[in-house]
N, C-alpha and C. Protein backbone atom coordinates (compact mmCIF):
# COMPACT_ATOMS: atom_id res chain seq x y z
N LEU A 1 141.38 41.24 67.50
CA LEU A 1 140.75 41.44 68.80
C LEU A 1 140.20 42.86 68.97
N PHE A 2 140.85 43.84 68.30
CA PHE A 2 140.36 45.20 68.43
C PHE A 2 139.00 45.36 67.76
N ASP A 3 138.77 44.65 66.64
CA ASP A 3 137.46 44.68 65.99
C ASP A 3 136.40 44.10 66.92
N ARG A 4 136.75 43.03 67.61
CA ARG A 4 135.81 42.42 68.57
C ARG A 4 135.53 43.40 69.70
N ALA A 5 136.55 44.08 70.19
CA ALA A 5 136.36 45.06 71.26
C ALA A 5 135.43 46.18 70.80
N ASN A 6 135.61 46.64 69.56
CA ASN A 6 134.73 47.70 69.04
C ASN A 6 133.29 47.22 68.90
N ALA A 7 133.12 45.96 68.49
CA ALA A 7 131.77 45.41 68.39
C ALA A 7 131.12 45.33 69.77
N LEU A 8 131.88 44.88 70.76
CA LEU A 8 131.36 44.82 72.13
C LEU A 8 131.03 46.22 72.65
N LEU A 9 131.86 47.17 72.32
CA LEU A 9 131.62 48.56 72.72
C LEU A 9 130.30 49.04 72.14
N GLY A 10 130.07 48.74 70.85
CA GLY A 10 128.82 49.14 70.21
C GLY A 10 127.60 48.51 70.85
N LEU A 11 127.78 47.37 71.47
CA LEU A 11 126.69 46.70 72.17
C LEU A 11 126.54 47.17 73.62
N GLY A 12 127.43 48.08 74.05
CA GLY A 12 127.38 48.56 75.42
C GLY A 12 127.97 47.61 76.43
N ARG A 13 128.74 46.64 75.97
CA ARG A 13 129.34 45.65 76.86
C ARG A 13 130.77 46.09 77.18
N PHE A 14 130.87 47.14 78.00
CA PHE A 14 132.14 47.81 78.26
C PHE A 14 133.15 46.91 78.97
N GLY A 15 132.70 46.13 79.94
CA GLY A 15 133.60 45.24 80.67
C GLY A 15 134.23 44.21 79.75
N GLU A 16 133.42 43.61 78.89
CA GLU A 16 133.95 42.62 77.95
C GLU A 16 134.89 43.27 76.94
N ALA A 17 134.54 44.48 76.50
CA ALA A 17 135.40 45.20 75.55
C ALA A 17 136.77 45.48 76.19
N THR A 18 136.75 45.91 77.43
CA THR A 18 138.00 46.20 78.14
C THR A 18 138.84 44.93 78.29
N LYS A 19 138.19 43.83 78.63
CA LYS A 19 138.91 42.55 78.76
C LYS A 19 139.52 42.15 77.42
N THR A 20 138.79 42.34 76.34
CA THR A 20 139.29 41.98 75.01
C THR A 20 140.51 42.81 74.64
N VAL A 21 140.49 44.09 74.97
CA VAL A 21 141.66 44.95 74.71
C VAL A 21 142.85 44.46 75.54
N GLY A 22 142.60 44.11 76.78
CA GLY A 22 143.66 43.55 77.63
C GLY A 22 144.23 42.26 77.05
N ASP A 23 143.34 41.41 76.52
CA ASP A 23 143.79 40.17 75.88
C ASP A 23 144.70 40.47 74.69
N ALA A 24 144.34 41.48 73.91
CA ALA A 24 145.15 41.85 72.75
C ALA A 24 146.53 42.32 73.18
N LEU A 25 146.58 43.11 74.24
CA LEU A 25 147.86 43.61 74.74
C LEU A 25 148.71 42.46 75.30
N ARG A 26 148.08 41.54 76.02
CA ARG A 26 148.82 40.38 76.54
C ARG A 26 149.35 39.51 75.40
N ALA A 27 148.58 39.37 74.33
CA ALA A 27 149.04 38.59 73.18
C ALA A 27 150.24 39.28 72.53
N ALA A 28 150.20 40.59 72.45
CA ALA A 28 151.34 41.33 71.88
C ALA A 28 152.56 41.20 72.79
N ASP A 29 152.35 41.25 74.09
CA ASP A 29 153.45 41.08 75.06
C ASP A 29 154.08 39.69 74.91
N ALA A 30 153.26 38.68 74.67
CA ALA A 30 153.77 37.32 74.54
C ALA A 30 154.67 37.17 73.31
N GLU A 31 154.44 38.01 72.30
CA GLU A 31 155.25 37.98 71.09
C GLU A 31 156.50 38.83 71.20
N GLY A 32 156.67 39.50 72.30
CA GLY A 32 157.79 40.42 72.49
C GLY A 32 157.25 41.79 72.89
N LYS A 33 158.14 42.74 72.98
CA LYS A 33 157.72 44.08 73.38
C LYS A 33 156.79 44.69 72.33
N PRO A 34 155.57 45.11 72.73
CA PRO A 34 154.66 45.71 71.75
C PRO A 34 155.24 47.01 71.20
N GLY A 35 155.05 47.23 69.92
CA GLY A 35 155.54 48.45 69.29
C GLY A 35 154.61 49.63 69.57
N ASN A 36 155.06 50.79 69.15
CA ASN A 36 154.28 52.01 69.36
C ASN A 36 152.89 51.91 68.75
N TYR A 37 152.79 51.31 67.55
CA TYR A 37 151.49 51.19 66.90
C TYR A 37 150.52 50.39 67.78
N MET A 38 150.97 49.26 68.29
CA MET A 38 150.12 48.40 69.11
C MET A 38 149.73 49.10 70.42
N ILE A 39 150.67 49.79 71.02
CA ILE A 39 150.35 50.51 72.26
C ILE A 39 149.33 51.60 71.98
N ALA A 40 149.52 52.34 70.88
CA ALA A 40 148.57 53.39 70.53
C ALA A 40 147.19 52.80 70.23
N GLU A 41 147.15 51.65 69.55
CA GLU A 41 145.86 51.00 69.28
C GLU A 41 145.16 50.61 70.58
N THR A 42 145.93 50.11 71.53
CA THR A 42 145.36 49.74 72.82
C THR A 42 144.79 50.97 73.53
N GLU A 43 145.57 52.03 73.57
CA GLU A 43 145.11 53.27 74.22
C GLU A 43 143.90 53.86 73.50
N LEU A 44 143.89 53.77 72.18
CA LEU A 44 142.77 54.26 71.38
C LEU A 44 141.50 53.48 71.70
N ALA A 45 141.62 52.17 71.79
CA ALA A 45 140.47 51.34 72.13
C ALA A 45 139.97 51.65 73.54
N LEU A 46 140.88 51.80 74.48
CA LEU A 46 140.48 52.12 75.86
C LEU A 46 139.87 53.52 75.95
N ALA A 47 140.34 54.45 75.11
CA ALA A 47 139.75 55.80 75.08
C ALA A 47 138.31 55.72 74.59
N GLY A 48 138.08 54.93 73.55
CA GLY A 48 136.72 54.76 73.04
C GLY A 48 135.79 54.17 74.08
N ILE A 49 136.28 53.19 74.82
CA ILE A 49 135.48 52.57 75.88
C ILE A 49 135.18 53.59 76.97
N ALA A 50 136.19 54.36 77.37
CA ALA A 50 136.00 55.37 78.42
C ALA A 50 134.98 56.42 77.98
N LEU A 51 135.09 56.91 76.76
CA LEU A 51 134.15 57.93 76.28
C LEU A 51 132.73 57.38 76.20
N ALA A 52 132.60 56.15 75.69
CA ALA A 52 131.27 55.55 75.57
C ALA A 52 130.63 55.31 76.93
N SER A 53 131.44 55.07 77.94
CA SER A 53 130.90 54.84 79.28
C SER A 53 130.76 56.12 80.09
N GLY A 54 131.09 57.26 79.45
CA GLY A 54 130.90 58.56 80.11
C GLY A 54 132.06 59.02 80.95
N ASN A 55 133.18 58.33 80.92
CA ASN A 55 134.34 58.73 81.72
C ASN A 55 135.25 59.62 80.86
N LEU A 56 134.90 60.91 80.80
CA LEU A 56 135.61 61.83 79.92
C LEU A 56 137.06 62.06 80.35
N THR A 57 137.32 62.08 81.64
CA THR A 57 138.69 62.29 82.12
C THR A 57 139.59 61.14 81.71
N GLU A 58 139.11 59.91 81.89
CA GLU A 58 139.88 58.73 81.47
C GLU A 58 140.05 58.73 79.96
N GLY A 59 138.99 59.09 79.24
CA GLY A 59 139.07 59.17 77.79
C GLY A 59 140.14 60.15 77.33
N GLN A 60 140.18 61.31 77.97
CA GLN A 60 141.19 62.32 77.62
C GLN A 60 142.59 61.79 77.88
N SER A 61 142.78 61.12 79.00
CA SER A 61 144.09 60.56 79.34
C SER A 61 144.53 59.52 78.31
N LYS A 62 143.61 58.65 77.91
CA LYS A 62 143.94 57.60 76.94
C LYS A 62 144.20 58.19 75.55
N ILE A 63 143.46 59.23 75.18
CA ILE A 63 143.69 59.90 73.90
C ILE A 63 145.09 60.51 73.89
N ALA A 64 145.46 61.19 74.97
CA ALA A 64 146.79 61.80 75.06
C ALA A 64 147.87 60.72 74.96
N SER A 65 147.66 59.60 75.61
CA SER A 65 148.62 58.51 75.55
C SER A 65 148.73 57.94 74.14
N ALA A 66 147.59 57.73 73.49
CA ALA A 66 147.60 57.21 72.12
C ALA A 66 148.35 58.16 71.19
N LYS A 67 148.13 59.46 71.35
CA LYS A 67 148.82 60.45 70.52
C LYS A 67 150.33 60.37 70.71
N SER A 68 150.77 60.13 71.93
CA SER A 68 152.20 60.11 72.21
C SER A 68 152.90 58.91 71.57
N PHE A 69 152.16 57.84 71.27
CA PHE A 69 152.75 56.66 70.65
C PHE A 69 152.56 56.63 69.14
N SER A 70 151.69 57.49 68.61
CA SER A 70 151.39 57.51 67.18
C SER A 70 152.28 58.56 66.53
N VAL A 71 153.54 58.18 66.23
CA VAL A 71 154.55 59.20 65.93
C VAL A 71 155.16 59.17 64.53
N SER A 72 154.98 58.14 63.75
CA SER A 72 155.64 58.15 62.43
C SER A 72 154.69 58.67 61.37
N GLU A 73 155.12 58.65 60.13
CA GLU A 73 154.30 59.18 59.03
C GLU A 73 153.89 58.11 58.02
N THR A 74 153.88 56.86 58.43
CA THR A 74 153.43 55.81 57.51
C THR A 74 151.92 55.93 57.31
N ARG A 75 151.40 55.29 56.29
CA ARG A 75 149.96 55.32 56.03
C ARG A 75 149.19 54.79 57.25
N ARG A 76 149.67 53.69 57.79
CA ARG A 76 148.99 53.06 58.93
C ARG A 76 148.92 54.00 60.13
N ILE A 77 150.00 54.73 60.39
CA ILE A 77 150.03 55.63 61.54
C ILE A 77 149.17 56.87 61.27
N ARG A 78 149.18 57.37 60.03
CA ARG A 78 148.33 58.53 59.72
C ARG A 78 146.86 58.14 59.83
N HIS A 79 146.51 56.93 59.41
CA HIS A 79 145.15 56.41 59.56
C HIS A 79 144.79 56.37 61.05
N GLN A 80 145.70 55.86 61.85
CA GLN A 80 145.50 55.80 63.30
C GLN A 80 145.33 57.20 63.88
N ARG A 81 146.16 58.13 63.42
CA ARG A 81 146.09 59.50 63.91
C ARG A 81 144.73 60.12 63.59
N ALA A 82 144.18 59.83 62.42
CA ALA A 82 142.85 60.35 62.07
C ALA A 82 141.80 59.81 63.05
N ARG A 83 141.92 58.53 63.41
CA ARG A 83 140.97 57.96 64.37
C ARG A 83 141.14 58.57 65.76
N ILE A 84 142.37 58.88 66.12
CA ILE A 84 142.61 59.55 67.40
C ILE A 84 141.95 60.94 67.38
N LEU A 85 142.13 61.66 66.28
CA LEU A 85 141.51 62.99 66.15
C LEU A 85 139.99 62.92 66.23
N LEU A 86 139.41 61.85 65.68
CA LEU A 86 137.96 61.70 65.76
C LEU A 86 137.50 61.51 67.21
N LEU A 87 138.25 60.72 67.98
CA LEU A 87 137.90 60.56 69.40
C LEU A 87 138.10 61.88 70.14
N GLU A 88 139.15 62.60 69.79
CA GLU A 88 139.39 63.89 70.42
C GLU A 88 138.25 64.87 70.09
N SER A 89 137.73 64.78 68.87
CA SER A 89 136.60 65.61 68.47
C SER A 89 135.36 65.25 69.28
N ARG A 90 135.10 63.94 69.45
CA ARG A 90 133.96 63.50 70.26
C ARG A 90 134.07 63.99 71.70
N LEU A 91 135.29 63.90 72.25
CA LEU A 91 135.51 64.36 73.62
C LEU A 91 135.23 65.85 73.74
N ALA A 92 135.77 66.63 72.81
CA ALA A 92 135.56 68.08 72.84
C ALA A 92 134.08 68.41 72.71
N TRP A 93 133.39 67.72 71.81
CA TRP A 93 131.96 67.96 71.64
C TRP A 93 131.20 67.62 72.92
N ALA A 94 131.55 66.52 73.56
CA ALA A 94 130.89 66.12 74.81
C ALA A 94 131.09 67.16 75.90
N ARG A 95 132.21 67.86 75.85
CA ARG A 95 132.50 68.90 76.85
C ARG A 95 131.97 70.26 76.43
N GLY A 96 131.31 70.33 75.28
CA GLY A 96 130.72 71.59 74.83
C GLY A 96 131.68 72.50 74.09
N ASP A 97 132.86 72.01 73.76
CA ASP A 97 133.85 72.82 73.04
C ASP A 97 133.71 72.54 71.54
N VAL A 98 132.72 73.19 70.94
CA VAL A 98 132.41 72.95 69.53
C VAL A 98 133.56 73.37 68.63
N ALA A 99 134.24 74.46 68.96
CA ALA A 99 135.36 74.93 68.14
C ALA A 99 136.48 73.88 68.08
N LYS A 100 136.82 73.31 69.23
CA LYS A 100 137.87 72.28 69.24
C LYS A 100 137.38 71.02 68.53
N ALA A 101 136.13 70.66 68.73
CA ALA A 101 135.59 69.49 68.05
C ALA A 101 135.67 69.67 66.53
N ALA A 102 135.33 70.86 66.06
CA ALA A 102 135.39 71.15 64.62
C ALA A 102 136.83 71.12 64.13
N SER A 103 137.74 71.66 64.92
CA SER A 103 139.15 71.69 64.55
C SER A 103 139.73 70.28 64.43
N CYS A 104 139.40 69.42 65.38
CA CYS A 104 139.88 68.03 65.33
C CYS A 104 139.27 67.28 64.15
N ALA A 105 137.98 67.51 63.89
CA ALA A 105 137.34 66.86 62.75
C ALA A 105 137.96 67.33 61.44
N ALA A 106 138.27 68.63 61.36
CA ALA A 106 138.91 69.16 60.15
C ALA A 106 140.31 68.58 59.97
N ALA A 107 141.05 68.42 61.06
CA ALA A 107 142.39 67.82 60.97
C ALA A 107 142.29 66.36 60.51
N ALA A 108 141.29 65.64 61.01
CA ALA A 108 141.07 64.26 60.57
C ALA A 108 140.72 64.24 59.08
N ARG A 109 139.92 65.21 58.65
CA ARG A 109 139.57 65.32 57.23
C ARG A 109 140.83 65.53 56.39
N GLY A 110 141.73 66.37 56.88
CA GLY A 110 142.98 66.62 56.17
C GLY A 110 143.78 65.35 55.95
N ILE A 111 143.77 64.48 56.94
CA ILE A 111 144.49 63.21 56.81
C ILE A 111 143.76 62.29 55.83
N THR A 112 142.43 62.23 55.94
CA THR A 112 141.69 61.30 55.08
C THR A 112 141.59 61.78 53.64
N ASP A 113 141.93 63.03 53.38
CA ASP A 113 141.95 63.52 52.00
C ASP A 113 143.18 63.04 51.24
N ALA A 114 144.17 62.51 51.94
CA ALA A 114 145.37 62.01 51.27
C ALA A 114 145.00 60.85 50.34
N ALA A 115 145.64 60.80 49.19
CA ALA A 115 145.30 59.81 48.17
C ALA A 115 145.38 58.37 48.68
N ASP A 116 146.33 58.07 49.56
CA ASP A 116 146.49 56.68 50.02
C ASP A 116 145.50 56.29 51.12
N ILE A 117 144.77 57.24 51.64
CA ILE A 117 143.79 56.94 52.69
C ILE A 117 142.36 57.20 52.21
N ARG A 118 142.22 57.99 51.19
CA ARG A 118 140.91 58.42 50.69
C ARG A 118 139.94 57.27 50.46
N GLY A 119 140.42 56.10 50.10
CA GLY A 119 139.56 54.97 49.79
C GLY A 119 138.96 54.27 51.00
N ASP A 120 139.34 54.65 52.20
CA ASP A 120 138.78 54.03 53.41
C ASP A 120 137.45 54.72 53.72
N TRP A 121 136.38 54.18 53.16
CA TRP A 121 135.08 54.82 53.28
C TRP A 121 134.52 54.79 54.69
N PHE A 122 134.88 53.79 55.48
CA PHE A 122 134.40 53.76 56.86
C PHE A 122 134.99 54.92 57.66
N LEU A 123 136.28 55.14 57.50
CA LEU A 123 136.93 56.25 58.19
C LEU A 123 136.38 57.58 57.69
N ARG A 124 136.24 57.72 56.37
CA ARG A 124 135.71 58.96 55.79
C ARG A 124 134.30 59.24 56.30
N SER A 125 133.50 58.19 56.42
CA SER A 125 132.14 58.33 56.94
C SER A 125 132.16 58.85 58.37
N ASP A 126 133.07 58.32 59.19
CA ASP A 126 133.19 58.80 60.57
C ASP A 126 133.61 60.27 60.61
N VAL A 127 134.52 60.65 59.71
CA VAL A 127 134.97 62.04 59.64
C VAL A 127 133.80 62.94 59.25
N MET A 128 133.04 62.54 58.24
CA MET A 128 131.90 63.35 57.80
C MET A 128 130.87 63.48 58.92
N ALA A 129 130.64 62.41 59.66
CA ALA A 129 129.69 62.46 60.77
C ALA A 129 130.16 63.44 61.85
N ALA A 130 131.45 63.41 62.16
CA ALA A 130 131.99 64.34 63.16
C ALA A 130 131.88 65.78 62.68
N GLU A 131 132.17 66.01 61.40
CA GLU A 131 132.05 67.37 60.86
C GLU A 131 130.60 67.85 60.89
N ASN A 132 129.68 66.98 60.50
CA ASN A 132 128.27 67.35 60.53
C ASN A 132 127.78 67.63 61.94
N GLN A 133 128.24 66.84 62.89
CA GLN A 133 127.84 67.03 64.28
C GLN A 133 128.27 68.42 64.77
N THR A 134 129.49 68.81 64.43
CA THR A 134 129.97 70.12 64.90
C THR A 134 129.24 71.25 64.17
N ARG A 135 128.93 71.06 62.89
CA ARG A 135 128.18 72.08 62.15
C ARG A 135 126.79 72.27 62.76
N GLN A 136 126.13 71.15 63.05
CA GLN A 136 124.79 71.22 63.63
C GLN A 136 124.83 71.84 65.02
N SER A 137 125.84 71.47 65.80
CA SER A 137 125.97 72.06 67.14
C SER A 137 126.19 73.55 67.05
N GLY A 138 127.04 73.97 66.11
CA GLY A 138 127.33 75.39 65.94
C GLY A 138 126.10 76.17 65.52
N SER A 139 125.29 75.60 64.61
CA SER A 139 124.10 76.32 64.14
C SER A 139 123.04 76.34 65.23
N VAL A 140 122.94 75.30 66.03
CA VAL A 140 121.97 75.29 67.13
C VAL A 140 122.36 76.35 68.17
N ARG A 141 123.65 76.41 68.50
CA ARG A 141 124.10 77.38 69.50
C ARG A 141 123.94 78.80 69.00
N SER A 142 124.17 79.05 67.71
CA SER A 142 124.07 80.42 67.21
C SER A 142 122.62 80.87 67.10
N SER A 143 121.67 79.92 67.03
CA SER A 143 120.26 80.31 66.95
C SER A 143 119.63 80.51 68.33
N LEU A 144 120.36 80.16 69.39
CA LEU A 144 119.80 80.32 70.74
C LEU A 144 119.85 81.74 71.23
């Protein structure tokens, strides 16, 4: 369901994406108490929706919540943490804080450089895009 929510988000269908995330959480609730990973995934998806719809304050709140639930050191959680850092980088960039955006992108790069995550080319591509965005922003600002 999270993949569907991301697809809807990419189409700008924020209401449907939000409903899909809610459906995923209700399905997890029906199976028992959702674990930290599932809660963090839900918050991460809602953060992405908030940022895409321009609600930076809500996005920041959801990012903070996702970080608080993404606490172990398994491969899956480190992968999740890299995605959280990418959203945090986007938020910082949107607020004009290029230094923080670059720092978050670099931290995500550090996670994706690990041998067990390095093969996820979609995640690596997102990290490279975030790093390039901050480099371009920095060079534009320094030339002004």
